[in-house]
Amino acid sequence: MKHLLWLRIGLVGILFLLGAFLYDSLPESVPTHWGPSGLPDAYGDKAWNLFFFPFLILLIVLAFPFLSKLDPKKENYEKFAGTWEIFQMSIISFFVYVQCVILYLSFHPEVSITKFMMFGLGVLFLIIGNYMGKIRQNYFIGIKLPWTLSSEVVWNKTHRLGGKLFVLAGLLFLVNGFVNWYPLWMFVILLVLVVFVPIGYSYMEFKRQSHKVS
């Protein structure tokens, strides 16, 4: 789907144009890092802030098409081609959103980044969660573990569970964007939920499948 590739490149191109347009308006030193409070705790040169991150996003956009071709299980990408495109678009759109938030906060360093990130992560997790169950075995996206890669049944079951957990986490991120309830702890708890629960489940499911075979 080359038109979607060009769309992603276009999104990054807008960031470069936006950076050039805002260059003279920004102060020479802009926020480059935000602490647990959501307020900036480090500053850097505006040129680096305006153009380096978009350049990294562009590299990711251009690298995505090659990942599927390098994957030892590249034939599986045809089975979830639409989902693969949605994942690429969602990830790049999230990065573009983050850069826009950074530009806004460069003008308003007194504003916390927390709510912006909660909303962005909420939408990203909801999208990923809704499509995670459609991912087929591969080495680049998904829950890639020895036991999920060795069993298609374990892979599919793990990703169906992972999808539900991602949706739950996405909803909680969105809610917390409004209530702002211990955002740092919320992030840690949800990260544990979407990472470690599927890992434990996949291992137990692999053991269960192994016992069924034996």
N, C-alpha and C. Protein backbone atom coordinates (compact mmCIF):
# COMPACT_ATOMS: atom_id res chain seq x y z
N MET A 1 0.83 -1.19 0.00
CA MET A 1 0.00 0.00 0.00
C MET A 1 0.88 1.26 0.00
N LYS A 2 1.40 1.57 -1.19
CA LYS A 2 2.36 2.66 -1.30
C LYS A 2 1.74 4.01 -0.95
N HIS A 3 0.44 4.16 -1.20
CA HIS A 3 -0.19 5.45 -0.89
C HIS A 3 -0.16 5.73 0.61
N LEU A 4 -0.24 4.67 1.45
CA LEU A 4 -0.16 4.86 2.89
C LEU A 4 1.27 5.19 3.32
N LEU A 5 2.25 4.62 2.62
CA LEU A 5 3.64 4.96 2.89
C LEU A 5 3.87 6.44 2.62
N TRP A 6 3.37 6.92 1.48
CA TRP A 6 3.53 8.33 1.14
C TRP A 6 2.75 9.22 2.10
N LEU A 7 1.63 8.72 2.62
CA LEU A 7 0.89 9.49 3.63
C LEU A 7 1.71 9.65 4.89
N ARG A 8 2.38 8.59 5.32
CA ARG A 8 3.22 8.66 6.52
C ARG A 8 4.40 9.60 6.29
N ILE A 9 4.99 9.52 5.11
CA ILE A 9 6.08 10.44 4.78
C ILE A 9 5.57 11.88 4.78
N GLY A 10 4.36 12.08 4.27
CA GLY A 10 3.77 13.41 4.25
C GLY A 10 3.55 13.97 5.64
N LEU A 11 3.13 13.11 6.57
CA LEU A 11 2.93 13.55 7.96
C LEU A 11 4.23 14.05 8.56
N VAL A 12 5.30 13.31 8.30
CA VAL A 12 6.60 13.74 8.82
C VAL A 12 7.06 15.01 8.12
N GLY A 13 6.76 15.12 6.82
CA GLY A 13 7.10 16.33 6.09
C GLY A 13 6.45 17.56 6.69
N ILE A 14 5.22 17.40 7.15
CA ILE A 14 4.51 18.52 7.80
C ILE A 14 5.26 18.97 9.06
N LEU A 15 5.84 17.99 9.79
CA LEU A 15 6.60 18.36 10.98
C LEU A 15 7.81 19.21 10.63
N PHE A 16 8.51 18.85 9.54
CA PHE A 16 9.66 19.64 9.12
C PHE A 16 9.23 21.05 8.72
N LEU A 17 8.12 21.16 7.98
CA LEU A 17 7.61 22.47 7.58
C LEU A 17 7.18 23.29 8.79
N LEU A 18 6.52 22.60 9.74
CA LEU A 18 6.07 23.29 10.95
C LEU A 18 7.26 23.79 11.75
N GLY A 19 8.31 22.98 11.83
CA GLY A 19 9.52 23.38 12.54
C GLY A 19 10.17 24.60 11.90
N ALA A 20 10.23 24.59 10.56
CA ALA A 20 10.82 25.74 9.85
C ALA A 20 9.99 27.00 10.06
N PHE A 21 8.67 26.83 10.06
CA PHE A 21 7.76 27.98 10.23
C PHE A 21 7.89 28.58 11.63
N LEU A 22 8.06 27.72 12.65
CA LEU A 22 8.09 28.18 14.03
C LEU A 22 9.49 28.52 14.53
N TYR A 23 10.48 28.26 13.71
CA TYR A 23 11.87 28.37 14.17
C TYR A 23 12.18 29.73 14.80
N ASP A 24 11.83 30.81 14.10
CA ASP A 24 12.16 32.15 14.60
C ASP A 24 11.33 32.55 15.82
N SER A 25 10.17 31.93 16.00
CA SER A 25 9.29 32.29 17.10
C SER A 25 9.69 31.65 18.42
N LEU A 26 10.37 30.51 18.35
CA LEU A 26 10.72 29.79 19.56
C LEU A 26 11.92 30.41 20.26
N PRO A 27 11.96 30.29 21.59
CA PRO A 27 13.17 30.72 22.30
C PRO A 27 14.35 29.81 21.93
N GLU A 28 15.55 30.31 22.12
CA GLU A 28 16.74 29.54 21.73
C GLU A 28 16.85 28.24 22.50
N SER A 29 16.40 28.24 23.75
CA SER A 29 16.44 27.04 24.59
C SER A 29 15.02 26.56 24.85
N VAL A 30 14.75 25.31 24.51
CA VAL A 30 13.40 24.77 24.65
C VAL A 30 13.45 23.48 25.46
N PRO A 31 12.32 23.07 26.07
CA PRO A 31 12.30 21.83 26.86
C PRO A 31 12.66 20.60 26.03
N THR A 32 13.49 19.73 26.59
CA THR A 32 13.86 18.48 25.92
C THR A 32 13.54 17.25 26.77
N HIS A 33 13.20 17.48 28.03
CA HIS A 33 12.88 16.35 28.91
C HIS A 33 11.92 16.83 29.98
N TRP A 34 11.00 15.94 30.38
CA TRP A 34 10.01 16.27 31.39
C TRP A 34 10.12 15.30 32.55
N GLY A 35 10.03 15.81 33.77
CA GLY A 35 10.16 14.98 34.96
C GLY A 35 8.84 14.37 35.39
N PRO A 36 8.83 13.65 36.50
CA PRO A 36 7.61 13.00 37.00
C PRO A 36 6.46 13.97 37.24
N SER A 37 6.78 15.23 37.51
CA SER A 37 5.74 16.23 37.75
C SER A 37 5.03 16.63 36.45
N GLY A 38 5.60 16.25 35.31
CA GLY A 38 5.04 16.65 34.03
C GLY A 38 5.59 17.96 33.52
N LEU A 39 6.47 18.60 34.30
CA LEU A 39 7.08 19.87 33.90
C LEU A 39 8.51 19.63 33.44
N PRO A 40 9.02 20.49 32.56
CA PRO A 40 10.36 20.27 32.00
C PRO A 40 11.44 20.35 33.07
N ASP A 41 12.42 19.45 32.97
CA ASP A 41 13.56 19.47 33.88
C ASP A 41 14.89 19.52 33.12
N ALA A 42 14.81 19.69 31.79
CA ALA A 42 16.02 19.84 30.98
C ALA A 42 15.67 20.63 29.72
N TYR A 43 16.63 21.43 29.27
CA TYR A 43 16.42 22.26 28.09
C TYR A 43 17.56 22.05 27.11
N GLY A 44 17.29 22.35 25.83
CA GLY A 44 18.31 22.19 24.82
C GLY A 44 18.09 23.13 23.65
N ASP A 45 18.98 23.02 22.67
CA ASP A 45 18.92 23.89 21.50
C ASP A 45 17.65 23.63 20.69
N LYS A 46 17.02 24.71 20.23
CA LYS A 46 15.73 24.56 19.54
C LYS A 46 15.87 23.85 18.19
N ALA A 47 17.00 24.02 17.50
CA ALA A 47 17.17 23.36 16.22
C ALA A 47 17.16 21.84 16.39
N TRP A 48 17.81 21.37 17.43
CA TRP A 48 17.83 19.94 17.73
C TRP A 48 16.42 19.45 18.02
N ASN A 49 15.68 20.22 18.80
CA ASN A 49 14.32 19.85 19.19
C ASN A 49 13.37 19.85 18.00
N LEU A 50 13.56 20.78 17.08
CA LEU A 50 12.63 20.94 15.96
C LEU A 50 12.83 19.90 14.87
N PHE A 51 14.08 19.47 14.66
CA PHE A 51 14.36 18.68 13.47
C PHE A 51 14.89 17.26 13.73
N PHE A 52 15.51 17.04 14.90
CA PHE A 52 16.11 15.72 15.12
C PHE A 52 15.04 14.64 15.29
N PHE A 53 14.01 14.91 16.11
CA PHE A 53 12.96 13.92 16.32
C PHE A 53 12.20 13.61 15.03
N PRO A 54 11.80 14.63 14.24
CA PRO A 54 11.17 14.33 12.95
C PRO A 54 12.06 13.49 12.04
N PHE A 55 13.37 13.75 12.10
CA PHE A 55 14.30 12.95 11.30
C PHE A 55 14.28 11.48 11.73
N LEU A 56 14.23 11.24 13.05
CA LEU A 56 14.14 9.87 13.56
C LEU A 56 12.83 9.21 13.12
N ILE A 57 11.74 9.98 13.17
CA ILE A 57 10.44 9.44 12.75
C ILE A 57 10.50 9.05 11.27
N LEU A 58 11.13 9.89 10.45
CA LEU A 58 11.26 9.59 9.02
C LEU A 58 12.05 8.30 8.81
N LEU A 59 13.11 8.10 9.58
CA LEU A 59 13.89 6.87 9.47
C LEU A 59 13.03 5.65 9.81
N ILE A 60 12.19 5.79 10.83
CA ILE A 60 11.31 4.68 11.21
C ILE A 60 10.31 4.39 10.09
N VAL A 61 9.74 5.45 9.51
CA VAL A 61 8.79 5.28 8.39
C VAL A 61 9.44 4.51 7.25
N LEU A 62 10.67 4.87 6.91
CA LEU A 62 11.35 4.25 5.79
C LEU A 62 11.83 2.83 6.13
N ALA A 63 12.05 2.57 7.42
CA ALA A 63 12.52 1.24 7.82
C ALA A 63 11.40 0.21 7.86
N PHE A 64 10.18 0.64 8.18
CA PHE A 64 9.06 -0.28 8.33
C PHE A 64 8.88 -1.23 7.13
N PRO A 65 8.90 -0.74 5.87
CA PRO A 65 8.66 -1.64 4.75
C PRO A 65 9.71 -2.75 4.62
N PHE A 66 10.92 -2.47 5.13
CA PHE A 66 11.99 -3.47 5.02
C PHE A 66 11.91 -4.54 6.10
N LEU A 67 11.26 -4.20 7.22
CA LEU A 67 11.19 -5.16 8.33
C LEU A 67 10.49 -6.44 7.91
N SER A 68 9.36 -6.28 7.21
CA SER A 68 8.61 -7.47 6.80
C SER A 68 9.39 -8.32 5.81
N LYS A 69 10.24 -7.68 5.01
CA LYS A 69 11.02 -8.42 4.02
C LYS A 69 12.20 -9.15 4.66
N LEU A 70 12.69 -8.63 5.79
CA LEU A 70 13.81 -9.25 6.49
C LEU A 70 13.36 -10.33 7.47
N ASP A 71 12.09 -10.32 7.81
CA ASP A 71 11.56 -11.25 8.81
C ASP A 71 11.62 -12.69 8.31
N PRO A 72 12.17 -13.62 9.12
CA PRO A 72 12.17 -15.04 8.73
C PRO A 72 10.78 -15.60 8.47
N LYS A 73 9.77 -14.97 9.06
CA LYS A 73 8.39 -15.39 8.84
C LYS A 73 7.66 -14.39 7.95
N LYS A 74 8.36 -13.89 6.94
CA LYS A 74 7.80 -12.81 6.11
C LYS A 74 6.54 -13.22 5.36
N GLU A 75 6.37 -14.51 5.12
CA GLU A 75 5.17 -14.95 4.41
C GLU A 75 3.89 -14.71 5.23
N ASN A 76 4.04 -14.58 6.56
CA ASN A 76 2.88 -14.37 7.41
C ASN A 76 2.31 -12.95 7.32
N TYR A 77 3.12 -12.01 6.82
CA TYR A 77 2.65 -10.63 6.76
C TYR A 77 1.47 -10.47 5.82
N GLU A 78 1.37 -11.33 4.83
CA GLU A 78 0.22 -11.27 3.93
C GLU A 78 -1.08 -11.61 4.65
N LYS A 79 -0.97 -12.37 5.75
CA LYS A 79 -2.15 -12.78 6.49
C LYS A 79 -2.70 -11.65 7.37
N PHE A 80 -1.88 -10.65 7.65
CA PHE A 80 -2.38 -9.52 8.45
C PHE A 80 -1.89 -8.20 7.85
N ALA A 81 -1.92 -8.12 6.52
CA ALA A 81 -1.39 -6.94 5.81
C ALA A 81 -2.11 -5.67 6.24
N GLY A 82 -3.44 -5.71 6.35
CA GLY A 82 -4.18 -4.53 6.76
C GLY A 82 -3.83 -4.10 8.18
N THR A 83 -3.71 -5.07 9.07
CA THR A 83 -3.35 -4.77 10.45
C THR A 83 -1.94 -4.20 10.54
N TRP A 84 -1.03 -4.72 9.74
CA TRP A 84 0.36 -4.22 9.70
C TRP A 84 0.38 -2.75 9.28
N GLU A 85 -0.46 -2.39 8.31
CA GLU A 85 -0.54 -0.99 7.88
C GLU A 85 -1.11 -0.11 8.99
N ILE A 86 -2.12 -0.61 9.68
CA ILE A 86 -2.73 0.15 10.78
C ILE A 86 -1.72 0.36 11.90
N PHE A 87 -0.93 -0.66 12.20
CA PHE A 87 0.09 -0.52 13.23
C PHE A 87 1.11 0.54 12.85
N GLN A 88 1.57 0.50 11.60
CA GLN A 88 2.55 1.50 11.15
C GLN A 88 1.97 2.91 11.25
N MET A 89 0.75 3.08 10.74
CA MET A 89 0.12 4.39 10.75
C MET A 89 -0.11 4.88 12.17
N SER A 90 -0.52 3.98 13.06
CA SER A 90 -0.80 4.36 14.45
C SER A 90 0.46 4.81 15.17
N ILE A 91 1.53 4.06 14.99
CA ILE A 91 2.79 4.38 15.67
C ILE A 91 3.35 5.69 15.16
N ILE A 92 3.37 5.88 13.84
CA ILE A 92 3.90 7.12 13.28
C ILE A 92 3.02 8.30 13.67
N SER A 93 1.71 8.12 13.65
CA SER A 93 0.80 9.20 14.04
C SER A 93 1.02 9.58 15.50
N PHE A 94 1.28 8.59 16.35
CA PHE A 94 1.56 8.88 17.76
C PHE A 94 2.83 9.71 17.90
N PHE A 95 3.87 9.34 17.16
CA PHE A 95 5.12 10.11 17.22
C PHE A 95 4.92 11.54 16.71
N VAL A 96 4.14 11.68 15.65
CA VAL A 96 3.84 13.02 15.12
C VAL A 96 3.07 13.83 16.17
N TYR A 97 2.12 13.19 16.82
CA TYR A 97 1.36 13.84 17.88
C TYR A 97 2.28 14.31 19.00
N VAL A 98 3.21 13.46 19.41
CA VAL A 98 4.15 13.80 20.49
C VAL A 98 4.98 15.02 20.09
N GLN A 99 5.46 15.04 18.84
CA GLN A 99 6.25 16.19 18.40
C GLN A 99 5.42 17.48 18.42
N CYS A 100 4.15 17.39 18.03
CA CYS A 100 3.28 18.57 18.08
C CYS A 100 3.07 19.04 19.51
N VAL A 101 2.93 18.08 20.43
CA VAL A 101 2.80 18.43 21.85
C VAL A 101 4.07 19.13 22.34
N ILE A 102 5.22 18.60 21.93
CA ILE A 102 6.50 19.20 22.34
C ILE A 102 6.61 20.63 21.82
N LEU A 103 6.18 20.85 20.59
CA LEU A 103 6.22 22.21 20.03
C LEU A 103 5.31 23.15 20.83
N TYR A 104 4.12 22.67 21.16
CA TYR A 104 3.20 23.49 21.95
C TYR A 104 3.80 23.82 23.31
N LEU A 105 4.39 22.82 23.96
CA LEU A 105 4.95 23.03 25.30
C LEU A 105 6.23 23.86 25.26
N SER A 106 6.85 23.95 24.09
CA SER A 106 8.02 24.82 23.96
C SER A 106 7.61 26.28 24.11
N PHE A 107 6.38 26.60 23.73
CA PHE A 107 5.84 27.94 23.92
C PHE A 107 5.22 28.11 25.31
N HIS A 108 4.81 26.99 25.92
CA HIS A 108 4.13 27.03 27.22
C HIS A 108 4.78 26.03 28.19
N PRO A 109 6.02 26.27 28.59
CA PRO A 109 6.72 25.31 29.47
C PRO A 109 6.08 25.15 30.84
N GLU A 110 5.18 26.07 31.20
CA GLU A 110 4.51 25.97 32.50
C GLU A 110 3.39 24.93 32.50
N VAL A 111 3.02 24.43 31.31
CA VAL A 111 1.95 23.45 31.17
C VAL A 111 2.51 22.04 31.31
N SER A 112 1.83 21.19 32.05
CA SER A 112 2.27 19.80 32.24
C SER A 112 2.04 18.98 30.98
N ILE A 113 2.99 18.10 30.71
CA ILE A 113 2.89 17.21 29.56
C ILE A 113 2.04 15.97 29.86
N THR A 114 1.74 15.75 31.14
CA THR A 114 1.13 14.49 31.58
C THR A 114 -0.18 14.18 30.87
N LYS A 115 -1.12 15.12 30.86
CA LYS A 115 -2.42 14.85 30.27
C LYS A 115 -2.31 14.57 28.77
N PHE A 116 -1.44 15.30 28.11
CA PHE A 116 -1.24 15.08 26.67
C PHE A 116 -0.78 13.65 26.40
N MET A 117 0.17 13.17 27.22
CA MET A 117 0.70 11.83 27.03
C MET A 117 -0.33 10.77 27.39
N MET A 118 -1.12 11.02 28.42
CA MET A 118 -2.16 10.06 28.80
C MET A 118 -3.18 9.89 27.68
N PHE A 119 -3.60 11.00 27.08
CA PHE A 119 -4.56 10.93 25.98
C PHE A 119 -3.94 10.23 24.76
N GLY A 120 -2.70 10.59 24.44
CA GLY A 120 -2.04 9.98 23.29
C GLY A 120 -1.84 8.49 23.45
N LEU A 121 -1.35 8.09 24.63
CA LEU A 121 -1.15 6.66 24.90
C LEU A 121 -2.49 5.93 24.94
N GLY A 122 -3.52 6.58 25.46
CA GLY A 122 -4.84 5.95 25.52
C GLY A 122 -5.34 5.59 24.14
N VAL A 123 -5.26 6.53 23.20
CA VAL A 123 -5.72 6.27 21.84
C VAL A 123 -4.84 5.20 21.18
N LEU A 124 -3.52 5.31 21.34
CA LEU A 124 -2.62 4.34 20.74
C LEU A 124 -2.90 2.93 21.25
N PHE A 125 -3.06 2.78 22.56
CA PHE A 125 -3.30 1.46 23.15
C PHE A 125 -4.65 0.89 22.71
N LEU A 126 -5.65 1.75 22.58
CA LEU A 126 -6.96 1.27 22.12
C LEU A 126 -6.86 0.72 20.70
N ILE A 127 -6.16 1.41 19.83
CA ILE A 127 -6.02 0.95 18.45
C ILE A 127 -5.24 -0.36 18.41
N ILE A 128 -4.11 -0.38 19.08
CA ILE A 128 -3.28 -1.59 19.09
C ILE A 128 -4.06 -2.76 19.68
N GLY A 129 -4.76 -2.51 20.77
CA GLY A 129 -5.52 -3.57 21.42
C GLY A 129 -6.60 -4.16 20.53
N ASN A 130 -7.26 -3.31 19.75
CA ASN A 130 -8.34 -3.78 18.88
C ASN A 130 -7.83 -4.64 17.74
N TYR A 131 -6.56 -4.49 17.37
CA TYR A 131 -6.03 -5.23 16.23
C TYR A 131 -4.97 -6.26 16.60
N MET A 132 -4.56 -6.30 17.86
CA MET A 132 -3.48 -7.19 18.25
C MET A 132 -3.80 -8.65 17.98
N GLY A 133 -5.05 -9.04 18.17
CA GLY A 133 -5.43 -10.44 17.97
C GLY A 133 -5.31 -10.90 16.53
N LYS A 134 -5.16 -9.95 15.59
CA LYS A 134 -5.05 -10.31 14.17
C LYS A 134 -3.60 -10.49 13.71
N ILE A 135 -2.65 -10.16 14.58
CA ILE A 135 -1.24 -10.31 14.21
C ILE A 135 -0.89 -11.79 14.14
N ARG A 136 -0.17 -12.17 13.11
CA ARG A 136 0.31 -13.54 12.99
C ARG A 136 1.80 -13.59 13.32
N GLN A 137 2.30 -14.79 13.54
CA GLN A 137 3.67 -14.96 14.01
C GLN A 137 4.67 -14.19 13.14
N ASN A 138 5.51 -13.40 13.81
CA ASN A 138 6.58 -12.68 13.15
C ASN A 138 7.61 -12.28 14.19
N TYR A 139 8.72 -11.70 13.75
CA TYR A 139 9.81 -11.38 14.67
C TYR A 139 9.93 -9.89 14.99
N PHE A 140 8.98 -9.06 14.51
CA PHE A 140 9.13 -7.62 14.69
C PHE A 140 8.04 -6.96 15.51
N ILE A 141 6.81 -7.38 15.41
CA ILE A 141 5.75 -6.76 16.21
C ILE A 141 4.98 -7.85 16.95
N GLY A 142 4.46 -7.46 18.12
CA GLY A 142 3.70 -8.42 18.90
C GLY A 142 4.48 -8.91 20.11
N ILE A 143 3.98 -9.94 20.74
CA ILE A 143 4.58 -10.52 21.94
C ILE A 143 5.48 -11.66 21.49
N LYS A 144 6.74 -11.32 21.23
CA LYS A 144 7.69 -12.26 20.62
C LYS A 144 8.51 -12.95 21.70
N LEU A 145 8.13 -14.17 22.03
CA LEU A 145 8.79 -14.97 23.05
C LEU A 145 9.09 -16.34 22.46
N PRO A 146 10.04 -17.07 23.05
CA PRO A 146 10.36 -18.40 22.50
C PRO A 146 9.13 -19.29 22.39
N TRP A 147 8.24 -19.21 23.38
CA TRP A 147 7.09 -20.12 23.36
C TRP A 147 5.95 -19.61 22.48
N THR A 148 5.87 -18.30 22.23
CA THR A 148 4.84 -17.84 21.27
C THR A 148 5.32 -18.07 19.84
N LEU A 149 6.62 -17.94 19.62
CA LEU A 149 7.15 -18.15 18.27
C LEU A 149 7.24 -19.62 17.90
N SER A 150 7.22 -20.49 18.91
CA SER A 150 7.31 -21.93 18.63
C SER A 150 5.94 -22.59 18.47
N SER A 151 4.87 -21.87 18.83
CA SER A 151 3.52 -22.44 18.75
C SER A 151 2.54 -21.39 18.25
N GLU A 152 1.90 -21.67 17.13
CA GLU A 152 0.93 -20.74 16.59
C GLU A 152 -0.28 -20.61 17.51
N VAL A 153 -0.66 -21.72 18.17
CA VAL A 153 -1.79 -21.69 19.10
C VAL A 153 -1.49 -20.75 20.28
N VAL A 154 -0.29 -20.90 20.85
CA VAL A 154 0.11 -20.05 21.97
C VAL A 154 0.19 -18.59 21.52
N TRP A 155 0.74 -18.35 20.33
CA TRP A 155 0.82 -16.99 19.79
C TRP A 155 -0.57 -16.35 19.70
N ASN A 156 -1.50 -17.07 19.08
CA ASN A 156 -2.84 -16.51 18.87
C ASN A 156 -3.57 -16.25 20.18
N LYS A 157 -3.49 -17.20 21.12
CA LYS A 157 -4.17 -17.02 22.40
C LYS A 157 -3.55 -15.88 23.20
N THR A 158 -2.23 -15.79 23.18
CA THR A 158 -1.54 -14.73 23.91
C THR A 158 -1.91 -13.36 23.36
N HIS A 159 -2.01 -13.25 22.04
CA HIS A 159 -2.31 -11.95 21.45
C HIS A 159 -3.78 -11.56 21.61
N ARG A 160 -4.64 -12.54 21.70
CA ARG A 160 -6.04 -12.21 21.99
C ARG A 160 -6.16 -11.65 23.40
N LEU A 161 -5.45 -12.27 24.36
CA LEU A 161 -5.44 -11.74 25.72
C LEU A 161 -4.76 -10.38 25.75
N GLY A 162 -3.60 -10.28 25.08
CA GLY A 162 -2.87 -9.01 25.05
C GLY A 162 -3.72 -7.89 24.49
N GLY A 163 -4.52 -8.19 23.46
CA GLY A 163 -5.38 -7.18 22.88
C GLY A 163 -6.39 -6.65 23.88
N LYS A 164 -6.99 -7.54 24.65
CA LYS A 164 -7.96 -7.11 25.67
C LYS A 164 -7.29 -6.25 26.73
N LEU A 165 -6.07 -6.63 27.12
CA LEU A 165 -5.35 -5.86 28.15
C LEU A 165 -4.95 -4.49 27.63
N PHE A 166 -4.57 -4.42 26.36
CA PHE A 166 -4.21 -3.13 25.76
C PHE A 166 -5.43 -2.21 25.70
N VAL A 167 -6.58 -2.76 25.36
CA VAL A 167 -7.81 -1.96 25.33
C VAL A 167 -8.13 -1.44 26.72
N LEU A 168 -8.04 -2.31 27.72
CA LEU A 168 -8.28 -1.89 29.10
C LEU A 168 -7.31 -0.79 29.51
N ALA A 169 -6.03 -0.99 29.19
CA ALA A 169 -5.02 0.01 29.53
C ALA A 169 -5.30 1.33 28.81
N GLY A 170 -5.71 1.25 27.54
CA GLY A 170 -6.02 2.46 26.79
C GLY A 170 -7.16 3.24 27.42
N LEU A 171 -8.20 2.54 27.84
CA LEU A 171 -9.33 3.21 28.50
C LEU A 171 -8.90 3.87 29.80
N LEU A 172 -8.06 3.18 30.57
CA LEU A 172 -7.60 3.74 31.84
C LEU A 172 -6.68 4.94 31.62
N PHE A 173 -5.86 4.88 30.56
CA PHE A 173 -5.03 6.05 30.22
C PHE A 173 -5.93 7.25 29.91
N LEU A 174 -6.96 7.04 29.11
CA LEU A 174 -7.86 8.14 28.75
C LEU A 174 -8.56 8.72 29.98
N VAL A 175 -9.05 7.83 30.84
CA VAL A 175 -9.72 8.30 32.07
C VAL A 175 -8.74 9.10 32.92
N ASN A 176 -7.52 8.59 33.02
CA ASN A 176 -6.54 9.28 33.86
C ASN A 176 -6.10 10.62 33.26
N GLY A 177 -6.30 10.75 31.94
CA GLY A 177 -6.04 12.05 31.33
C GLY A 177 -6.96 13.12 31.88
N PHE A 178 -8.15 12.70 32.32
CA PHE A 178 -9.11 13.65 32.91
C PHE A 178 -8.91 13.81 34.42
N VAL A 179 -8.70 12.69 35.13
CA VAL A 179 -8.66 12.76 36.59
C VAL A 179 -7.25 12.97 37.13
N ASN A 180 -6.23 12.63 36.31
CA ASN A 180 -4.83 12.85 36.70
C ASN A 180 -4.51 12.21 38.06
N TRP A 181 -4.86 10.92 38.19
CA TRP A 181 -4.68 10.19 39.45
C TRP A 181 -3.33 9.46 39.45
N TYR A 182 -2.34 9.99 40.16
CA TYR A 182 -1.01 9.38 40.26
C TYR A 182 -0.54 8.87 38.90
N PRO A 183 -0.31 9.77 37.92
CA PRO A 183 -0.02 9.34 36.55
C PRO A 183 1.22 8.46 36.43
N LEU A 184 2.27 8.75 37.21
CA LEU A 184 3.48 7.94 37.12
C LEU A 184 3.21 6.50 37.55
N TRP A 185 2.51 6.34 38.68
CA TRP A 185 2.18 5.00 39.16
C TRP A 185 1.19 4.31 38.22
N MET A 186 0.27 5.08 37.66
CA MET A 186 -0.68 4.51 36.71
C MET A 186 0.07 3.96 35.49
N PHE A 187 1.04 4.72 35.02
CA PHE A 187 1.83 4.27 33.87
C PHE A 187 2.57 2.98 34.18
N VAL A 188 3.20 2.91 35.34
CA VAL A 188 3.96 1.71 35.74
C VAL A 188 3.03 0.51 35.86
N ILE A 189 1.89 0.69 36.52
CA ILE A 189 0.94 -0.41 36.73
C ILE A 189 0.41 -0.94 35.40
N LEU A 190 0.05 -0.03 34.51
CA LEU A 190 -0.48 -0.46 33.20
C LEU A 190 0.60 -1.09 32.35
N LEU A 191 1.83 -0.61 32.48
CA LEU A 191 2.94 -1.24 31.75
C LEU A 191 3.14 -2.68 32.21
N VAL A 192 3.09 -2.89 33.52
CA VAL A 192 3.19 -4.26 34.06
C VAL A 192 2.03 -5.11 33.54
N LEU A 193 0.84 -4.52 33.51
CA LEU A 193 -0.35 -5.25 33.05
C LEU A 193 -0.19 -5.75 31.62
N VAL A 194 0.23 -4.87 30.71
CA VAL A 194 0.26 -5.24 29.28
C VAL A 194 1.52 -6.01 28.90
N VAL A 195 2.54 -5.98 29.76
CA VAL A 195 3.80 -6.67 29.42
C VAL A 195 3.91 -8.01 30.14
N PHE A 196 3.82 -7.98 31.45
CA PHE A 196 4.15 -9.18 32.23
C PHE A 196 3.00 -10.19 32.32
N VAL A 197 1.76 -9.71 32.31
CA VAL A 197 0.63 -10.66 32.34
C VAL A 197 0.63 -11.54 31.08
N PRO A 198 0.76 -10.97 29.86
CA PRO A 198 0.81 -11.84 28.68
C PRO A 198 2.03 -12.77 28.67
N ILE A 199 3.16 -12.30 29.21
CA ILE A 199 4.34 -13.17 29.26
C ILE A 199 4.05 -14.39 30.13
N GLY A 200 3.51 -14.15 31.32
CA GLY A 200 3.19 -15.27 32.21
C GLY A 200 2.14 -16.18 31.62
N TYR A 201 1.11 -15.59 31.03
CA TYR A 201 0.04 -16.39 30.43
C TYR A 201 0.58 -17.24 29.29
N SER A 202 1.41 -16.65 28.44
CA SER A 202 1.93 -17.39 27.28
C SER A 202 2.78 -18.58 27.72
N TYR A 203 3.56 -18.40 28.78
CA TYR A 203 4.39 -19.51 29.25
C TYR A 203 3.53 -20.64 29.80
N MET A 204 2.51 -20.28 30.59
CA MET A 204 1.62 -21.31 31.14
C MET A 204 0.85 -22.01 30.02
N GLU A 205 0.43 -21.25 29.01
CA GLU A 205 -0.29 -21.85 27.89
C GLU A 205 0.62 -22.77 27.08
N PHE A 206 1.89 -22.39 26.95
CA PHE A 206 2.85 -23.23 26.25
C PHE A 206 3.05 -24.56 26.99
N LYS A 207 3.16 -24.48 28.32
CA LYS A 207 3.29 -25.69 29.11
C LYS A 207 2.04 -26.57 28.98
N ARG A 208 0.89 -25.94 28.96
CA ARG A 208 -0.36 -26.69 28.84
C ARG A 208 -0.44 -27.38 27.48
N GLN A 209 -0.06 -26.69 26.44
CA GLN A 209 -0.08 -27.27 25.10
C GLN A 209 0.94 -28.40 24.99
N SER A 210 2.08 -28.25 25.65
CA SER A 210 3.11 -29.29 25.62
C SER A 210 2.62 -30.57 26.30
N HIS A 211 1.90 -30.41 27.42
CA HIS A 211 1.36 -31.56 28.13
C HIS A 211 0.28 -32.27 27.29
N LYS A 212 -0.48 -31.50 26.54
CA LYS A 212 -1.53 -32.09 25.69
C LYS A 212 -0.90 -32.95 24.60
N VAL A 213 0.24 -32.46 24.04
CA VAL A 213 0.92 -33.21 22.98
C VAL A 213 1.54 -34.48 23.51
N SER A 214 2.18 -34.35 24.72
CA SER A 214 2.85 -35.51 25.31
C SER A 214 1.83 -36.50 25.88
